[in-house]
């Protein structure tokens, strides 16, 4: 009898173990399925737009500070405060005030190009085309005249903000393209050793006018308008005279001088 009980006990215990395990398993909390993770947005969409907006806001703030306090006195901390961002964030987008000015140059060029394309398409003569190009600049830069006055101190080609330097070459070349187009569309005829220099000379003429305008304190820029009107007439008359046969002896001298000026000997 004892032997029988000893043999049955392990079997009963084993069965009891599996019954208890089954009951516990049934009482477990049902597994909750996690919702599927939403698809990730394409990189550079929302984040890129926000970044561009922040950059534009910092640049707009910088121009406002430059107009109010001047370029030299303005600080990156002031610019960041005006833009509503941390100073470190301002430096993240623009590492210096010079970088802000370069961005201003590039933005200005982009915004003027579309307008110039439309206006130049309507112009019929060289005078109209030159007026269109130069007046567009004077009108566009009017709100930032004070900034241009401060930047006029950086004309040395070695300075990164100089309009004659290597850092601004791409902007300068694009602007020169409008003068090349104006000359070509107007059918200006000059000797082949002089003709290639004409767009560059016209660009320099524009820069001289802008510099005069920056420091012109006359009401509504009256002196600048007078200078522009009179010098443009003289320039157009000079181009007509240059096409006369009797001016041929001067062509060679002029070509040699231009090669020296532009260091193309």
C-alpha atoms as a PDB file:
ATOM      1  CA  UNK A   1       0.000   0.000   0.000  1.00  0.00           C
ATOM      2  CA  UNK A   2       2.765   2.379   0.930  1.00  0.00           C
ATOM      3  CA  UNK A   3       4.610   1.480  -2.221  1.00  0.00           C
ATOM      4  CA  UNK A   4       1.537   2.260  -4.315  1.00  0.00           C
ATOM      5  CA  UNK A   5       1.082   5.667  -2.718  1.00  0.00           C
ATOM      6  CA  UNK A   6       4.704   6.498  -3.325  1.00  0.00           C
ATOM      7  CA  UNK A   7       4.323   5.637  -7.017  1.00  0.00           C
ATOM      8  CA  UNK A   8       1.124   7.625  -7.488  1.00  0.00           C
ATOM      9  CA  UNK A   9       2.307  10.775  -5.684  1.00  0.00           C
ATOM     10  CA  UNK A  10       4.730  11.925  -8.405  1.00  0.00           C
ATOM     11  CA  UNK A  11       2.054  11.517 -11.061  1.00  0.00           C
ATOM     12  CA  UNK A  12      -0.481  13.551  -9.087  1.00  0.00           C
ATOM     13  CA  UNK A  13       2.086  16.264  -8.399  1.00  0.00           C
ATOM     14  CA  UNK A  14       3.086  16.484 -12.063  1.00  0.00           C
ATOM     15  CA  UNK A  15      -0.551  16.772 -13.189  1.00  0.00           C
ATOM     16  CA  UNK A  16      -1.245  19.412 -10.543  1.00  0.00           C
ATOM     17  CA  UNK A  17       1.741  21.478 -11.756  1.00  0.00           C
ATOM     18  CA  UNK A  18       0.433  21.666 -15.324  1.00  0.00           C
ATOM     19  CA  UNK A  19      -3.107  22.508 -14.154  1.00  0.00           C
ATOM     20  CA  UNK A  20      -1.830  25.455 -12.102  1.00  0.00           C
ATOM     21  CA  UNK A  21       0.338  26.665 -15.020  1.00  0.00           C
ATOM     22  CA  UNK A  22      -2.613  26.528 -17.405  1.00  0.00           C
ATOM     23  CA  UNK A  23      -4.845  28.538 -15.020  1.00  0.00           C
ATOM     24  CA  UNK A  24      -2.168  31.235 -14.543  1.00  0.00           C
ATOM     25  CA  UNK A  25      -1.633  31.529 -18.252  1.00  0.00           C
ATOM     26  CA  UNK A  26      -5.341  32.069 -18.773  1.00  0.00           C
ATOM     27  CA  UNK A  27      -5.378  34.867 -16.200  1.00  0.00           C
ATOM     28  CA  UNK A  28      -2.554  36.850 -17.840  1.00  0.00           C
ATOM     29  CA  UNK A  29      -3.397  40.311 -19.208  1.00  0.00           C
ATOM     30  CA  UNK A  30      -4.093  40.091 -22.945  1.00  0.00           C
ATOM     31  CA  UNK A  31      -1.278  41.488 -25.106  1.00  0.00           C
ATOM     32  CA  UNK A  32      -1.941  44.966 -26.404  1.00  0.00           C
ATOM     33  CA  UNK A  33      -0.851  45.509 -29.967  1.00  0.00           C
ATOM     34  CA  UNK A  34       1.134  48.721 -30.470  1.00  0.00           C
ATOM     35  CA  UNK A  35      -0.182  50.979 -33.189  1.00  0.00           C
ATOM     36  CA  UNK A  36       1.864  51.079 -36.346  1.00  0.00           C
ATOM     37  CA  UNK A  37       4.465  53.875 -36.433  1.00  0.00           C
ATOM     38  CA  UNK A  38       3.482  56.588 -38.889  1.00  0.00           C
ATOM     39  CA  UNK A  39       5.593  56.857 -41.990  1.00  0.00           C
ATOM     40  CA  UNK A  40       8.522  59.250 -41.602  1.00  0.00           C
ATOM     41  CA  UNK A  41       8.281  62.485 -43.573  1.00  0.00           C
ATOM     42  CA  UNK A  42      10.672  62.974 -46.382  1.00  0.00           C
ATOM     43  CA  UNK A  43      13.882  64.581 -45.213  1.00  0.00           C
ATOM     44  CA  UNK A  44      14.269  68.272 -45.933  1.00  0.00           C
ATOM     45  CA  UNK A  45      10.557  69.141 -46.150  1.00  0.00           C
ATOM     46  CA  UNK A  46       9.187  70.586 -42.924  1.00  0.00           C
ATOM     47  CA  UNK A  47      12.629  70.907 -41.296  1.00  0.00           C
ATOM     48  CA  UNK A  48      14.090  72.547 -44.385  1.00  0.00           C
ATOM     49  CA  UNK A  49      11.258  75.073 -44.606  1.00  0.00           C
ATOM     50  CA  UNK A  50      11.584  75.977 -40.928  1.00  0.00           C
ATOM     51  CA  UNK A  51      15.325  76.402 -41.329  1.00  0.00           C
ATOM     52  CA  UNK A  52      14.851  78.669 -44.339  1.00  0.00           C
ATOM     53  CA  UNK A  53      12.287  80.747 -42.477  1.00  0.00           C
ATOM     54  CA  UNK A  54      14.637  81.180 -39.516  1.00  0.00           C
ATOM     55  CA  UNK A  55      17.482  82.172 -41.813  1.00  0.00           C
ATOM     56  CA  UNK A  56      15.297  84.710 -43.617  1.00  0.00           C
ATOM     57  CA  UNK A  57      14.107  86.132 -40.298  1.00  0.00           C
ATOM     58  CA  UNK A  58      17.684  86.614 -39.083  1.00  0.00           C
ATOM     59  CA  UNK A  59      18.664  88.323 -42.335  1.00  0.00           C
ATOM     60  CA  UNK A  60      15.643  90.651 -42.180  1.00  0.00           C
ATOM     61  CA  UNK A  61      16.488  91.477 -38.562  1.00  0.00           C
ATOM     62  CA  UNK A  62      20.084  92.220 -39.512  1.00  0.00           C
ATOM     63  CA  UNK A  63      19.028  94.665 -42.230  1.00  0.00           C
ATOM     64  CA  UNK A  64      16.711  96.407 -39.761  1.00  0.00           C
ATOM     65  CA  UNK A  65      19.536  96.726 -37.212  1.00  0.00           C
ATOM     66  CA  UNK A  66      21.972  97.918 -39.877  1.00  0.00           C
ATOM     67  CA  UNK A  67      19.509 100.629 -40.939  1.00  0.00           C
ATOM     68  CA  UNK A  68      18.894 101.733 -37.358  1.00  0.00           C
ATOM     69  CA  UNK A  69      22.352 101.511 -35.801  1.00  0.00           C
ATOM     70  CA  UNK A  70      24.689 101.286 -38.775  1.00  0.00           C
ATOM     71  CA  UNK A  71      26.767  98.345 -39.922  1.00  0.00           C
ATOM     72  CA  UNK A  72      29.813  98.955 -37.741  1.00  0.00           C
ATOM     73  CA  UNK A  73      27.897  99.440 -34.476  1.00  0.00           C
ATOM     74  CA  UNK A  74      25.527  96.512 -34.953  1.00  0.00           C
ATOM     75  CA  UNK A  75      26.269  93.291 -33.061  1.00  0.00           C
ATOM     76  CA  UNK A  76      25.253  89.700 -33.646  1.00  0.00           C
ATOM     77  CA  UNK A  77      23.600  89.697 -30.197  1.00  0.00           C
ATOM     78  CA  UNK A  78      21.358  92.614 -31.222  1.00  0.00           C
ATOM     79  CA  UNK A  79      20.514  90.909 -34.494  1.00  0.00           C
ATOM     80  CA  UNK A  80      19.626  87.669 -32.719  1.00  0.00           C
ATOM     81  CA  UNK A  81      17.393  89.544 -30.279  1.00  0.00           C
ATOM     82  CA  UNK A  82      15.606  91.323 -33.113  1.00  0.00           C
ATOM     83  CA  UNK A  83      15.056  87.981 -34.862  1.00  0.00           C
ATOM     84  CA  UNK A  84      13.829  86.301 -31.673  1.00  0.00           C
ATOM     85  CA  UNK A  85      16.521  83.618 -31.651  1.00  0.00           C
ATOM     86  CA  UNK A  86      19.477  82.784 -29.429  1.00  0.00           C
ATOM     87  CA  UNK A  87      22.814  84.361 -30.304  1.00  0.00           C
ATOM     88  CA  UNK A  88      24.209  80.892 -30.951  1.00  0.00           C
ATOM     89  CA  UNK A  89      21.435  80.245 -33.464  1.00  0.00           C
ATOM     90  CA  UNK A  90      22.293  83.447 -35.311  1.00  0.00           C
ATOM     91  CA  UNK A  91      25.922  82.323 -35.548  1.00  0.00           C
ATOM     92  CA  UNK A  92      24.755  78.906 -36.735  1.00  0.00           C
ATOM     93  CA  UNK A  93      23.205  80.468 -39.851  1.00  0.00           C
ATOM     94  CA  UNK A  94      25.663  83.356 -40.320  1.00  0.00           C
ATOM     95  CA  UNK A  95      29.122  83.192 -38.814  1.00  0.00           C
ATOM     96  CA  UNK A  96      29.643  86.961 -38.997  1.00  0.00           C
ATOM     97  CA  UNK A  97      28.154  90.271 -40.075  1.00  0.00           C
ATOM     98  CA  UNK A  98      30.098  89.908 -43.309  1.00  0.00           C
ATOM     99  CA  UNK A  99      28.194  86.684 -44.014  1.00  0.00           C
ATOM    100  CA  UNK A 100      24.931  88.550 -43.480  1.00  0.00           C
ATOM    101  CA  UNK A 101      25.965  91.217 -45.970  1.00  0.00           C
ATOM    102  CA  UNK A 102      26.947  88.579 -48.525  1.00  0.00           C
ATOM    103  CA  UNK A 103      23.519  86.988 -48.099  1.00  0.00           C
ATOM    104  CA  UNK A 104      22.007  90.439 -48.640  1.00  0.00           C
ATOM    105  CA  UNK A 105      23.975  90.819 -51.892  1.00  0.00           C
ATOM    106  CA  UNK A 106      22.791  87.425 -53.126  1.00  0.00           C
ATOM    107  CA  UNK A 107      19.178  88.034 -52.124  1.00  0.00           C
ATOM    108  CA  UNK A 108      19.190  91.433 -53.822  1.00  0.00           C
ATOM    109  CA  UNK A 109      20.491  89.975 -57.042  1.00  0.00           C
ATOM    110  CA  UNK A 110      17.885  87.194 -57.066  1.00  0.00           C
ATOM    111  CA  UNK A 111      15.008  89.564 -56.414  1.00  0.00           C
ATOM    112  CA  UNK A 112      16.087  92.089 -59.047  1.00  0.00           C
ATOM    113  CA  UNK A 113      16.716  89.585 -61.821  1.00  0.00           C
ATOM    114  CA  UNK A 114      13.056  88.713 -62.449  1.00  0.00           C
ATOM    115  CA  UNK A 115      12.017  92.360 -62.510  1.00  0.00           C
ATOM    116  CA  UNK A 116      14.877  93.322 -64.819  1.00  0.00           C
ATOM    117  CA  UNK A 117      14.039  90.540 -67.246  1.00  0.00           C
ATOM    118  CA  UNK A 118      10.499  91.860 -67.670  1.00  0.00           C
ATOM    119  CA  UNK A 119      11.532  95.509 -67.995  1.00  0.00           C
ATOM    120  CA  UNK A 120      14.398  94.860 -70.392  1.00  0.00           C
ATOM    121  CA  UNK A 121      12.067  92.891 -72.648  1.00  0.00           C
ATOM    122  CA  UNK A 122      10.058  96.096 -73.142  1.00  0.00           C
ATOM    123  CA  UNK A 123      13.070  98.385 -73.696  1.00  0.00           C
ATOM    124  CA  UNK A 124      13.857  99.314 -77.311  1.00  0.00           C
ATOM    125  CA  UNK A 125      17.042 101.408 -77.218  1.00  0.00           C
ATOM    126  CA  UNK A 126      20.384 101.366 -75.414  1.00  0.00           C
ATOM    127  CA  UNK A 127      19.345 104.440 -73.434  1.00  0.00           C
ATOM    128  CA  UNK A 128      16.155 102.741 -72.237  1.00  0.00           C
ATOM    129  CA  UNK A 129      18.030  99.575 -71.327  1.00  0.00           C
ATOM    130  CA  UNK A 130      20.729 101.379 -69.359  1.00  0.00           C
ATOM    131  CA  UNK A 131      18.136 103.474 -67.549  1.00  0.00           C
ATOM    132  CA  UNK A 132      16.208 100.336 -66.690  1.00  0.00           C
ATOM    133  CA  UNK A 133      19.228  98.546 -65.218  1.00  0.00           C
ATOM    134  CA  UNK A 134      20.562 101.459 -63.169  1.00  0.00           C
ATOM    135  CA  UNK A 135      17.243 102.858 -61.975  1.00  0.00           C
ATOM    136  CA  UNK A 136      16.256  99.379 -60.803  1.00  0.00           C
ATOM    137  CA  UNK A 137      19.335  99.322 -58.545  1.00  0.00           C
ATOM    138  CA  UNK A 138      18.741 102.799 -57.132  1.00  0.00           C
ATOM    139  CA  UNK A 139      15.110 102.000 -56.381  1.00  0.00           C
ATOM    140  CA  UNK A 140      15.807  98.598 -54.862  1.00  0.00           C
ATOM    141  CA  UNK A 141      18.652  99.752 -52.597  1.00  0.00           C
ATOM    142  CA  UNK A 142      16.934 102.934 -51.419  1.00  0.00           C
ATOM    143  CA  UNK A 143      15.772 101.412 -48.079  1.00  0.00           C
ATOM    144  CA  UNK A 144      19.340 100.274 -47.387  1.00  0.00           C
ATOM    145  CA  UNK A 145      21.167 103.376 -48.569  1.00  0.00           C
ATOM    146  CA  UNK A 146      22.842 103.832 -45.197  1.00  0.00           C
ATOM    147  CA  UNK A 147      24.149 100.259 -45.273  1.00  0.00           C
ATOM    148  CA  UNK A 148      25.613 100.771 -48.738  1.00  0.00           C
ATOM    149  CA  UNK A 149      27.297 103.916 -47.459  1.00  0.00           C
ATOM    150  CA  UNK A 150      28.999 101.907 -44.708  1.00  0.00           C
ATOM    151  CA  UNK A 151      29.994  99.181 -47.165  1.00  0.00           C
ATOM    152  CA  UNK A 152      31.493 101.694 -49.591  1.00  0.00           C
ATOM    153  CA  UNK A 153      34.532 101.704 -47.306  1.00  0.00           C
ATOM    154  CA  UNK A 154      35.222  98.131 -48.422  1.00  0.00           C
ATOM    155  CA  UNK A 155      36.017  98.719 -52.088  1.00  0.00           C
ATOM    156  CA  UNK A 156      39.467  97.145 -51.845  1.00  0.00           C
ATOM    157  CA  UNK A 157      39.282  93.990 -54.019  1.00  0.00           C
ATOM    158  CA  UNK A 158      41.058  92.104 -51.240  1.00  0.00           C
ATOM    159  CA  UNK A 159      38.112  92.651 -48.900  1.00  0.00           C
ATOM    160  CA  UNK A 160      35.506  89.846 -49.004  1.00  0.00           C
ATOM    161  CA  UNK A 161      32.627  92.346 -49.324  1.00  0.00           C
ATOM    162  CA  UNK A 162      34.179  94.386 -52.112  1.00  0.00           C
ATOM    163  CA  UNK A 163      32.071  94.468 -55.292  1.00  0.00           C
ATOM    164  CA  UNK A 164      35.373  94.111 -57.172  1.00  0.00           C
ATOM    165  CA  UNK A 165      36.691  91.105 -55.218  1.00  0.00           C
ATOM    166  CA  UNK A 166      36.757  87.376 -55.830  1.00  0.00           C
ATOM    167  CA  UNK A 167      34.105  86.647 -53.194  1.00  0.00           C
ATOM    168  CA  UNK A 168      31.495  88.642 -55.128  1.00  0.00           C
ATOM    169  CA  UNK A 169      32.574  87.529 -58.597  1.00  0.00           C
ATOM    170  CA  UNK A 170      29.487  85.402 -59.289  1.00  0.00           C
ATOM    171  CA  UNK A 171      27.143  88.292 -58.453  1.00  0.00           C
ATOM    172  CA  UNK A 172      29.239  90.715 -60.502  1.00  0.00           C
ATOM    173  CA  UNK A 173      29.329  88.416 -63.519  1.00  0.00           C
ATOM    174  CA  UNK A 174      25.556  87.974 -63.447  1.00  0.00           C
ATOM    175  CA  UNK A 175      25.084  91.725 -63.297  1.00  0.00           C
ATOM    176  CA  UNK A 176      27.537  92.202 -66.155  1.00  0.00           C
ATOM    177  CA  UNK A 177      25.345  89.866 -68.176  1.00  0.00           C
ATOM    178  CA  UNK A 178      22.574  92.484 -68.213  1.00  0.00           C
ATOM    179  CA  UNK A 179      24.935  95.068 -69.694  1.00  0.00           C
ATOM    180  CA  UNK A 180      26.158  92.557 -72.278  1.00  0.00           C
ATOM    181  CA  UNK A 181      22.569  91.901 -73.233  1.00  0.00           C
ATOM    182  CA  UNK A 182      21.791  95.624 -73.403  1.00  0.00           C
ATOM    183  CA  UNK A 183      24.723  96.217 -75.769  1.00  0.00           C
ATOM    184  CA  UNK A 184      23.943  93.203 -77.966  1.00  0.00           C
ATOM    185  CA  UNK A 185      20.204  93.914 -78.218  1.00  0.00           C
ATOM    186  CA  UNK A 186      20.903  97.562 -79.091  1.00  0.00           C
ATOM    187  CA  UNK A 187      23.194  96.665 -81.997  1.00  0.00           C
ATOM    188  CA  UNK A 188      26.106  98.793 -80.797  1.00  0.00           C
ATOM    189  CA  UNK A 189      28.965  98.541 -83.288  1.00  0.00           C
ATOM    190  CA  UNK A 190      32.519  99.042 -82.055  1.00  0.00           C
ATOM    191  CA  UNK A 191      35.913  97.727 -83.183  1.00  0.00           C
ATOM    192  CA  UNK A 192      36.442  94.110 -82.126  1.00  0.00           C
ATOM    193  CA  UNK A 193      39.374  95.031 -79.882  1.00  0.00           C
ATOM    194  CA  UNK A 194      37.189  97.505 -77.916  1.00  0.00           C
ATOM    195  CA  UNK A 195      33.706  95.973 -78.043  1.00  0.00           C
ATOM    196  CA  UNK A 196      34.355  93.267 -75.375  1.00  0.00           C
ATOM    197  CA  UNK A 197      35.191  95.964 -72.815  1.00  0.00           C
ATOM    198  CA  UNK A 198      32.013  98.003 -73.258  1.00  0.00           C
ATOM    199  CA  UNK A 199      29.788  95.994 -70.844  1.00  0.00           C
ATOM    200  CA  UNK A 200      32.462  96.230 -68.155  1.00  0.00           C
ATOM    201  CA  UNK A 201      32.830  99.969 -68.699  1.00  0.00           C
ATOM    202  CA  UNK A 202      29.072 100.399 -68.421  1.00  0.00           C
ATOM    203  CA  UNK A 203      29.067  98.361 -65.217  1.00  0.00           C
ATOM    204  CA  UNK A 204      31.773 100.629 -63.801  1.00  0.00           C
ATOM    205  CA  UNK A 205      29.699 103.639 -64.860  1.00  0.00           C
ATOM    206  CA  UNK A 206      26.805 102.190 -62.871  1.00  0.00           C
ATOM    207  CA  UNK A 207      28.995 101.676 -59.792  1.00  0.00           C
ATOM    208  CA  UNK A 208      30.186 105.285 -59.971  1.00  0.00           C
ATOM    209  CA  UNK A 209      26.612 106.532 -60.070  1.00  0.00           C
ATOM    210  CA  UNK A 210      25.606 104.350 -57.118  1.00  0.00           C
ATOM    211  CA  UNK A 211      28.559 105.622 -55.082  1.00  0.00           C
ATOM    212  CA  UNK A 212      27.600 109.231 -55.842  1.00  0.00           C
ATOM    213  CA  UNK A 213      23.972 108.468 -54.926  1.00  0.00           C
ATOM    214  CA  UNK A 214      24.970 106.927 -51.581  1.00  0.00           C
ATOM    215  CA  UNK A 215      26.428 110.248 -50.428  1.00  0.00           C
ATOM    216  CA  UNK A 216      23.913 112.475 -52.192  1.00  0.00           C
ATOM    217  CA  UNK A 217      22.010 114.481 -49.562  1.00  0.00           C
ATOM    218  CA  UNK A 218      20.037 116.594 -52.007  1.00  0.00           C
ATOM    219  CA  UNK A 219      16.213 116.445 -51.816  1.00  0.00           C
ATOM    220  CA  UNK A 220      14.921 113.282 -53.547  1.00  0.00           C
ATOM    221  CA  UNK A 221      18.377 112.612 -54.938  1.00  0.00           C
ATOM    222  CA  UNK A 222      18.103 115.607 -57.287  1.00  0.00           C
ATOM    223  CA  UNK A 223      21.852 115.788 -57.911  1.00  0.00           C
ATOM    224  CA  UNK A 224      22.072 112.082 -58.699  1.00  0.00           C
ATOM    225  CA  UNK A 225      19.244 112.355 -61.231  1.00  0.00           C
ATOM    226  CA  UNK A 226      20.936 115.322 -62.902  1.00  0.00           C
ATOM    227  CA  UNK A 227      24.265 113.512 -63.012  1.00  0.00           C
ATOM    228  CA  UNK A 228      22.646 110.390 -64.448  1.00  0.00           C
ATOM    229  CA  UNK A 229      20.741 112.284 -67.153  1.00  0.00           C
ATOM    230  CA  UNK A 230      23.701 114.345 -68.336  1.00  0.00           C
ATOM    231  CA  UNK A 231      26.364 111.649 -68.202  1.00  0.00           C
ATOM    232  CA  UNK A 232      24.106 109.162 -69.988  1.00  0.00           C
ATOM    233  CA  UNK A 233      23.627 111.616 -72.838  1.00  0.00           C
ATOM    234  CA  UNK A 234      27.381 112.144 -73.031  1.00  0.00           C
ATOM    235  CA  UNK A 235      28.020 108.402 -72.966  1.00  0.00           C
ATOM    236  CA  UNK A 236      25.571 107.688 -75.787  1.00  0.00           C
ATOM    237  CA  UNK A 237      27.023 110.519 -77.875  1.00  0.00           C
ATOM    238  CA  UNK A 238      30.547 109.184 -77.294  1.00  0.00           C
ATOM    239  CA  UNK A 239      29.506 105.747 -78.539  1.00  0.00           C
ATOM    240  CA  UNK A 240      28.088 107.274 -81.722  1.00  0.00           C
ATOM    241  CA  UNK A 241      31.227 109.303 -82.335  1.00  0.00           C
ATOM    242  CA  UNK A 242      33.404 106.241 -81.699  1.00  0.00           C
ATOM    243  CA  UNK A 243      31.810 104.545 -84.719  1.00  0.00           C
ATOM    244  CA  UNK A 244      32.921 107.265 -87.124  1.00  0.00           C
ATOM    245  CA  UNK A 245      35.837 106.426 -89.486  1.00  0.00           C
ATOM    246  CA  UNK A 246      37.830 109.463 -88.358  1.00  0.00           C
ATOM    247  CA  UNK A 247      38.032 107.935 -84.842  1.00  0.00           C
ATOM    248  CA  UNK A 248      39.913 104.860 -86.012  1.00  0.00           C
ATOM    249  CA  UNK A 249      43.331 106.199 -84.916  1.00  0.00           C
ATOM    250  CA  UNK A 250      41.914 106.434 -81.395  1.00  0.00           C
ATOM    251  CA  UNK A 251      40.652 102.865 -81.394  1.00  0.00           C
ATOM    252  CA  UNK A 252      44.093 101.313 -81.071  1.00  0.00           C
ATOM    253  CA  UNK A 253      45.085 103.673 -78.258  1.00  0.00           C
ATOM    254  CA  UNK A 254      41.847 102.988 -76.416  1.00  0.00           C
ATOM    255  CA  UNK A 255      42.256  99.223 -76.795  1.00  0.00           C
ATOM    256  CA  UNK A 256      45.810  99.352 -75.414  1.00  0.00           C
ATOM    257  CA  UNK A 257      44.659 101.438 -72.461  1.00  0.00           C
ATOM    258  CA  UNK A 258      41.796  99.043 -71.674  1.00  0.00           C
ATOM    259  CA  UNK A 259      44.131  96.050 -71.747  1.00  0.00           C
ATOM    260  CA  UNK A 260      46.344  97.773 -69.201  1.00  0.00           C
ATOM    261  CA  UNK A 261      43.425  98.782 -66.971  1.00  0.00           C
ATOM    262  CA  UNK A 262      41.985  95.273 -66.985  1.00  0.00           C
ATOM    263  CA  UNK A 263      45.419  93.651 -66.687  1.00  0.00           C
ATOM    264  CA  UNK A 264      45.073  91.613 -69.867  1.00  0.00           C
ATOM    265  CA  UNK A 265      48.387  92.252 -71.494  1.00  0.00           C
END
